Amino acid sequence: MTDIAVELRNVTKVYSAGPNTLEFTEAGFDNEVLQASEPVLVDFWAEWCMPCKALAPTIDELATEYAGKAKIGKLDTDANQSVAAKFGISAIPTVILFHNGQIKEKFIGLRGKQDFQTAIDALLNT
């Protein structure tokens, strides 16, 4: 695989998700999430997880609403096990809000859209 192909794969859209929902991977996680200056909401999920599928439309809506203000995306825990392990993901869905390389909030299980909005807005208004 060429470097160009790897780079394109690391910063891509989730095609089954909304057009603004990013797909994070092990290869690009540090750059795209931990080094980002804007808030980054990461949905740790897996294809077989039914609650994860139920949360997906909420993540897509947030990605559209916060486009240009925050990064909103998903990380497949089956395909990116080292990142999931690094952040202690033991149940999915787990959603982590990062800012300036730090975990600002961690949500485990299904949560309402308002919970995520409140957390993101708090970071945007600081």
N, C-alpha and C. Protein backbone atom coordinates (compact mmCIF):
# COMPACT_ATOMS: atom_id res chain seq x y z
N MET A 1 0.85 -1.17 0.00
CA MET A 1 0.00 0.00 0.00
C MET A 1 0.89 1.24 0.00
N THR A 2 0.57 2.20 -0.82
CA THR A 2 1.38 3.41 -0.89
C THR A 2 1.04 4.34 0.26
N ASP A 3 1.95 5.29 0.52
CA ASP A 3 1.71 6.27 1.58
C ASP A 3 0.45 7.08 1.32
N ILE A 4 0.19 7.39 0.08
CA ILE A 4 -1.00 8.16 -0.26
C ILE A 4 -2.25 7.38 0.11
N ALA A 5 -2.28 6.11 -0.22
CA ALA A 5 -3.45 5.28 0.09
C ALA A 5 -3.65 5.18 1.59
N VAL A 6 -2.56 5.03 2.34
CA VAL A 6 -2.67 4.96 3.80
C VAL A 6 -3.22 6.27 4.34
N GLU A 7 -2.71 7.38 3.85
CA GLU A 7 -3.17 8.68 4.34
C GLU A 7 -4.66 8.88 4.04
N LEU A 8 -5.08 8.50 2.86
CA LEU A 8 -6.49 8.64 2.53
C LEU A 8 -7.36 7.75 3.40
N ARG A 9 -6.87 6.58 3.76
CA ARG A 9 -7.64 5.67 4.58
C ARG A 9 -7.75 6.18 6.02
N ASN A 10 -6.76 6.90 6.49
CA ASN A 10 -6.74 7.38 7.87
C ASN A 10 -7.64 8.59 8.08
N VAL A 11 -7.88 9.35 7.07
CA VAL A 11 -8.73 10.52 7.18
C VAL A 11 -9.83 10.36 6.15
N THR A 12 -10.86 9.66 6.52
CA THR A 12 -11.91 9.34 5.57
C THR A 12 -13.27 9.54 6.22
N LYS A 13 -14.27 9.50 5.45
CA LYS A 13 -15.63 9.56 5.95
C LYS A 13 -16.16 8.14 6.11
N VAL A 14 -17.07 7.95 7.04
CA VAL A 14 -17.74 6.67 7.17
C VAL A 14 -18.88 6.69 6.16
N TYR A 15 -18.79 5.87 5.12
CA TYR A 15 -19.75 5.97 4.03
C TYR A 15 -21.14 5.51 4.41
N SER A 16 -21.25 4.66 5.40
CA SER A 16 -22.58 4.23 5.84
C SER A 16 -23.17 5.22 6.84
N ALA A 17 -22.39 6.20 7.22
CA ALA A 17 -22.84 7.20 8.17
C ALA A 17 -23.10 8.52 7.44
N GLY A 18 -23.38 9.54 8.22
CA GLY A 18 -23.63 10.85 7.63
C GLY A 18 -22.38 11.42 6.97
N PRO A 19 -22.55 12.40 6.10
CA PRO A 19 -21.42 12.94 5.33
C PRO A 19 -20.39 13.67 6.19
N ASN A 20 -20.74 14.10 7.38
CA ASN A 20 -19.80 14.81 8.24
C ASN A 20 -19.18 13.93 9.32
N THR A 21 -19.60 12.68 9.41
CA THR A 21 -19.11 11.78 10.44
C THR A 21 -17.78 11.18 10.01
N LEU A 22 -16.74 11.42 10.79
CA LEU A 22 -15.40 10.94 10.47
C LEU A 22 -15.20 9.51 10.96
N GLU A 23 -14.27 8.82 10.33
CA GLU A 23 -13.85 7.49 10.78
C GLU A 23 -12.42 7.62 11.28
N PHE A 24 -12.21 7.36 12.56
CA PHE A 24 -10.88 7.42 13.13
C PHE A 24 -10.27 6.02 13.14
N THR A 25 -8.95 5.95 12.96
CA THR A 25 -8.24 4.68 12.96
C THR A 25 -7.01 4.79 13.85
N GLU A 26 -6.40 3.64 14.15
CA GLU A 26 -5.17 3.63 14.94
C GLU A 26 -4.11 4.52 14.32
N ALA A 27 -3.94 4.41 13.02
CA ALA A 27 -2.87 5.12 12.33
C ALA A 27 -2.99 6.64 12.43
N GLY A 28 -4.20 7.14 12.42
CA GLY A 28 -4.38 8.59 12.43
C GLY A 28 -4.90 9.15 13.74
N PHE A 29 -5.06 8.31 14.76
CA PHE A 29 -5.73 8.75 15.99
C PHE A 29 -5.00 9.89 16.70
N ASP A 30 -3.70 9.75 16.86
CA ASP A 30 -2.95 10.80 17.56
C ASP A 30 -3.08 12.14 16.85
N ASN A 31 -2.90 12.12 15.53
CA ASN A 31 -2.96 13.36 14.76
C ASN A 31 -4.37 13.93 14.69
N GLU A 32 -5.35 13.10 14.39
CA GLU A 32 -6.72 13.56 14.18
C GLU A 32 -7.48 13.88 15.47
N VAL A 33 -7.14 13.19 16.56
CA VAL A 33 -7.89 13.34 17.80
C VAL A 33 -7.06 14.03 18.88
N LEU A 34 -5.95 13.44 19.23
CA LEU A 34 -5.18 13.94 20.38
C LEU A 34 -4.47 15.25 20.10
N GLN A 35 -4.10 15.51 18.86
CA GLN A 35 -3.43 16.76 18.53
C GLN A 35 -4.37 17.83 17.98
N ALA A 36 -5.65 17.54 17.93
CA ALA A 36 -6.62 18.51 17.41
C ALA A 36 -6.81 19.65 18.40
N SER A 37 -6.99 20.84 17.88
CA SER A 37 -7.23 22.01 18.74
C SER A 37 -8.71 22.15 19.08
N GLU A 38 -9.58 21.60 18.25
CA GLU A 38 -11.01 21.67 18.51
C GLU A 38 -11.45 20.45 19.31
N PRO A 39 -12.62 20.52 19.95
CA PRO A 39 -13.14 19.33 20.64
C PRO A 39 -13.35 18.19 19.64
N VAL A 40 -13.12 16.95 20.10
CA VAL A 40 -13.30 15.77 19.25
C VAL A 40 -14.12 14.75 20.03
N LEU A 41 -15.27 14.39 19.48
CA LEU A 41 -16.14 13.38 20.07
C LEU A 41 -15.95 12.08 19.31
N VAL A 42 -15.53 11.02 20.03
CA VAL A 42 -15.25 9.74 19.40
C VAL A 42 -16.21 8.69 19.93
N ASP A 43 -16.95 8.08 19.02
CA ASP A 43 -17.86 6.98 19.34
C ASP A 43 -17.10 5.68 19.12
N PHE A 44 -16.79 4.96 20.20
CA PHE A 44 -16.15 3.66 20.12
C PHE A 44 -17.26 2.64 19.91
N TRP A 45 -17.25 1.91 18.82
CA TRP A 45 -18.36 1.06 18.42
C TRP A 45 -17.85 -0.22 17.75
N ALA A 46 -18.75 -1.12 17.45
CA ALA A 46 -18.45 -2.32 16.66
C ALA A 46 -19.67 -2.66 15.82
N GLU A 47 -19.42 -3.29 14.69
CA GLU A 47 -20.49 -3.63 13.75
C GLU A 47 -21.57 -4.51 14.36
N TRP A 48 -21.20 -5.43 15.24
CA TRP A 48 -22.14 -6.38 15.83
C TRP A 48 -22.94 -5.80 17.00
N CYS A 49 -22.63 -4.60 17.44
CA CYS A 49 -23.22 -3.99 18.63
C CYS A 49 -24.53 -3.27 18.28
N MET A 50 -25.65 -3.82 18.71
CA MET A 50 -26.95 -3.21 18.40
C MET A 50 -27.14 -1.84 19.07
N PRO A 51 -26.76 -1.65 20.33
CA PRO A 51 -26.86 -0.30 20.91
C PRO A 51 -26.00 0.72 20.15
N CYS A 52 -24.87 0.27 19.62
CA CYS A 52 -24.02 1.15 18.82
C CYS A 52 -24.76 1.62 17.57
N LYS A 53 -25.48 0.68 16.95
CA LYS A 53 -26.25 1.02 15.75
C LYS A 53 -27.38 1.99 16.10
N ALA A 54 -27.95 1.84 17.29
CA ALA A 54 -29.01 2.75 17.73
C ALA A 54 -28.47 4.16 17.96
N LEU A 55 -27.21 4.26 18.38
CA LEU A 55 -26.59 5.55 18.66
C LEU A 55 -26.12 6.26 17.39
N ALA A 56 -25.90 5.50 16.32
CA ALA A 56 -25.33 6.05 15.09
C ALA A 56 -26.05 7.28 14.54
N PRO A 57 -27.39 7.31 14.47
CA PRO A 57 -28.05 8.51 13.95
C PRO A 57 -27.77 9.77 14.80
N THR A 58 -27.64 9.59 16.10
CA THR A 58 -27.32 10.72 16.98
C THR A 58 -25.93 11.25 16.67
N ILE A 59 -24.97 10.35 16.48
CA ILE A 59 -23.60 10.76 16.14
C ILE A 59 -23.60 11.50 14.81
N ASP A 60 -24.35 11.00 13.84
CA ASP A 60 -24.44 11.66 12.53
C ASP A 60 -25.04 13.07 12.66
N GLU A 61 -26.08 13.21 13.45
CA GLU A 61 -26.71 14.52 13.65
C GLU A 61 -25.73 15.49 14.30
N LEU A 62 -25.00 15.02 15.30
CA LEU A 62 -24.01 15.87 15.97
C LEU A 62 -22.91 16.29 14.99
N ALA A 63 -22.47 15.37 14.15
CA ALA A 63 -21.42 15.69 13.17
C ALA A 63 -21.88 16.79 12.22
N THR A 64 -23.13 16.76 11.84
CA THR A 64 -23.66 17.80 10.96
C THR A 64 -23.81 19.13 11.71
N GLU A 65 -24.35 19.08 12.91
CA GLU A 65 -24.57 20.29 13.68
C GLU A 65 -23.28 21.00 14.08
N TYR A 66 -22.23 20.23 14.34
CA TYR A 66 -20.98 20.82 14.82
C TYR A 66 -19.90 20.89 13.74
N ALA A 67 -20.27 20.69 12.49
CA ALA A 67 -19.30 20.77 11.39
C ALA A 67 -18.60 22.12 11.42
N GLY A 68 -17.28 22.10 11.38
CA GLY A 68 -16.49 23.33 11.42
C GLY A 68 -16.20 23.83 12.82
N LYS A 69 -16.82 23.25 13.82
CA LYS A 69 -16.61 23.67 15.22
C LYS A 69 -15.95 22.57 16.05
N ALA A 70 -16.32 21.32 15.76
CA ALA A 70 -15.79 20.16 16.49
C ALA A 70 -15.73 18.99 15.52
N LYS A 71 -14.84 18.06 15.80
CA LYS A 71 -14.79 16.83 15.02
C LYS A 71 -15.65 15.79 15.72
N ILE A 72 -16.48 15.12 14.93
CA ILE A 72 -17.35 14.06 15.46
C ILE A 72 -17.12 12.83 14.59
N GLY A 73 -16.82 11.71 15.24
CA GLY A 73 -16.57 10.52 14.44
C GLY A 73 -16.64 9.24 15.23
N LYS A 74 -16.26 8.16 14.55
CA LYS A 74 -16.41 6.81 15.08
C LYS A 74 -15.08 6.08 14.97
N LEU A 75 -14.86 5.15 15.90
CA LEU A 75 -13.71 4.28 15.85
C LEU A 75 -14.20 2.85 16.07
N ASP A 76 -13.97 1.99 15.08
CA ASP A 76 -14.38 0.59 15.15
C ASP A 76 -13.41 -0.13 16.10
N THR A 77 -13.92 -0.58 17.25
CA THR A 77 -13.06 -1.20 18.26
C THR A 77 -12.51 -2.54 17.80
N ASP A 78 -13.19 -3.25 16.94
CA ASP A 78 -12.68 -4.52 16.43
C ASP A 78 -11.48 -4.31 15.51
N ALA A 79 -11.53 -3.29 14.70
CA ALA A 79 -10.47 -3.01 13.75
C ALA A 79 -9.33 -2.19 14.35
N ASN A 80 -9.56 -1.57 15.50
CA ASN A 80 -8.58 -0.67 16.13
C ASN A 80 -8.44 -1.00 17.61
N GLN A 81 -8.10 -2.24 17.89
CA GLN A 81 -8.10 -2.73 19.27
C GLN A 81 -7.09 -2.02 20.18
N SER A 82 -5.96 -1.60 19.65
CA SER A 82 -4.96 -0.96 20.52
C SER A 82 -5.45 0.39 21.04
N VAL A 83 -6.19 1.12 20.22
CA VAL A 83 -6.74 2.41 20.69
C VAL A 83 -7.81 2.16 21.75
N ALA A 84 -8.67 1.19 21.49
CA ALA A 84 -9.71 0.85 22.47
C ALA A 84 -9.09 0.44 23.79
N ALA A 85 -8.04 -0.35 23.75
CA ALA A 85 -7.37 -0.79 24.97
C ALA A 85 -6.71 0.38 25.69
N LYS A 86 -6.09 1.26 24.94
CA LYS A 86 -5.40 2.43 25.52
C LYS A 86 -6.34 3.28 26.35
N PHE A 87 -7.60 3.37 25.93
CA PHE A 87 -8.57 4.20 26.63
C PHE A 87 -9.52 3.39 27.50
N GLY A 88 -9.18 2.14 27.74
CA GLY A 88 -9.93 1.30 28.67
C GLY A 88 -11.36 1.02 28.26
N ILE A 89 -11.59 0.86 26.97
CA ILE A 89 -12.94 0.60 26.49
C ILE A 89 -13.28 -0.86 26.80
N SER A 90 -14.20 -1.06 27.73
CA SER A 90 -14.60 -2.41 28.11
C SER A 90 -16.07 -2.67 27.80
N ALA A 91 -16.79 -1.64 27.44
CA ALA A 91 -18.20 -1.76 27.06
C ALA A 91 -18.45 -0.77 25.92
N ILE A 92 -19.28 -1.19 24.98
CA ILE A 92 -19.64 -0.29 23.89
C ILE A 92 -21.15 -0.25 23.77
N PRO A 93 -21.68 0.88 23.33
CA PRO A 93 -20.93 2.06 22.91
C PRO A 93 -20.34 2.82 24.10
N THR A 94 -19.16 3.34 23.87
CA THR A 94 -18.54 4.31 24.76
C THR A 94 -18.19 5.50 23.89
N VAL A 95 -18.53 6.68 24.35
CA VAL A 95 -18.23 7.91 23.62
C VAL A 95 -17.32 8.75 24.51
N ILE A 96 -16.20 9.18 23.95
CA ILE A 96 -15.25 10.01 24.71
C ILE A 96 -15.12 11.35 24.01
N LEU A 97 -15.19 12.41 24.80
CA LEU A 97 -14.98 13.76 24.31
C LEU A 97 -13.56 14.19 24.69
N PHE A 98 -12.75 14.48 23.68
CA PHE A 98 -11.37 14.92 23.87
C PHE A 98 -11.25 16.40 23.57
N HIS A 99 -10.32 17.06 24.25
CA HIS A 99 -9.98 18.44 23.92
C HIS A 99 -8.54 18.66 24.30
N ASN A 100 -7.75 19.16 23.35
CA ASN A 100 -6.32 19.40 23.58
C ASN A 100 -5.62 18.15 24.09
N GLY A 101 -5.97 16.99 23.53
CA GLY A 101 -5.31 15.75 23.87
C GLY A 101 -5.75 15.10 25.17
N GLN A 102 -6.70 15.69 25.84
CA GLN A 102 -7.16 15.19 27.13
C GLN A 102 -8.61 14.70 27.05
N ILE A 103 -8.91 13.67 27.85
CA ILE A 103 -10.29 13.23 27.97
C ILE A 103 -11.03 14.24 28.84
N LYS A 104 -12.09 14.80 28.30
CA LYS A 104 -12.89 15.77 29.05
C LYS A 104 -14.15 15.13 29.62
N GLU A 105 -14.68 14.13 28.90
CA GLU A 105 -15.87 13.43 29.38
C GLU A 105 -15.96 12.08 28.70
N LYS A 106 -16.47 11.10 29.47
CA LYS A 106 -16.62 9.74 28.95
C LYS A 106 -18.05 9.28 29.23
N PHE A 107 -18.72 8.84 28.18
CA PHE A 107 -20.11 8.39 28.26
C PHE A 107 -20.14 6.90 27.93
N ILE A 108 -20.67 6.09 28.82
CA ILE A 108 -20.74 4.65 28.59
C ILE A 108 -22.20 4.25 28.43
N GLY A 109 -22.48 3.51 27.35
CA GLY A 109 -23.85 3.10 27.07
C GLY A 109 -24.58 4.14 26.24
N LEU A 110 -25.82 3.84 25.95
CA LEU A 110 -26.65 4.77 25.17
C LEU A 110 -26.91 6.03 25.97
N ARG A 111 -26.74 7.16 25.34
CA ARG A 111 -27.02 8.45 25.96
C ARG A 111 -27.79 9.29 24.98
N GLY A 112 -28.48 10.27 25.51
CA GLY A 112 -29.24 11.18 24.66
C GLY A 112 -28.37 12.23 24.00
N LYS A 113 -28.83 12.74 22.91
CA LYS A 113 -28.11 13.76 22.15
C LYS A 113 -27.78 14.97 23.02
N GLN A 114 -28.70 15.35 23.89
CA GLN A 114 -28.50 16.52 24.74
C GLN A 114 -27.27 16.38 25.64
N ASP A 115 -26.99 15.17 26.11
CA ASP A 115 -25.81 14.95 26.95
C ASP A 115 -24.53 15.32 26.20
N PHE A 116 -24.45 14.90 24.95
CA PHE A 116 -23.28 15.20 24.14
C PHE A 116 -23.22 16.69 23.80
N GLN A 117 -24.36 17.26 23.45
CA GLN A 117 -24.40 18.68 23.11
C GLN A 117 -23.94 19.55 24.28
N THR A 118 -24.41 19.23 25.47
CA THR A 118 -24.04 20.00 26.65
C THR A 118 -22.53 19.96 26.87
N ALA A 119 -21.95 18.78 26.73
CA ALA A 119 -20.50 18.64 26.94
C ALA A 119 -19.70 19.37 25.87
N ILE A 120 -20.10 19.24 24.61
CA ILE A 120 -19.40 19.92 23.52
C ILE A 120 -19.54 21.43 23.67
N ASP A 121 -20.75 21.90 23.92
CA ASP A 121 -20.99 23.34 24.06
C ASP A 121 -20.17 23.93 25.19
N ALA A 122 -20.01 23.20 26.28
CA ALA A 122 -19.21 23.69 27.41
C ALA A 122 -17.76 23.94 26.97
N LEU A 123 -17.23 23.07 26.14
CA LEU A 123 -15.86 23.26 25.65
C LEU A 123 -15.77 24.39 24.64
N LEU A 124 -16.77 24.52 23.79
CA LEU A 124 -16.76 25.57 22.78
C LEU A 124 -16.93 26.95 23.40
N ASN A 125 -17.56 27.03 24.54
CA ASN A 125 -17.83 28.32 25.19
C ASN A 125 -16.80 28.70 26.25
N THR A 126 -15.67 27.96 26.28
CA THR A 126 -14.63 28.31 27.27
C THR A 126 -13.55 29.13 26.66
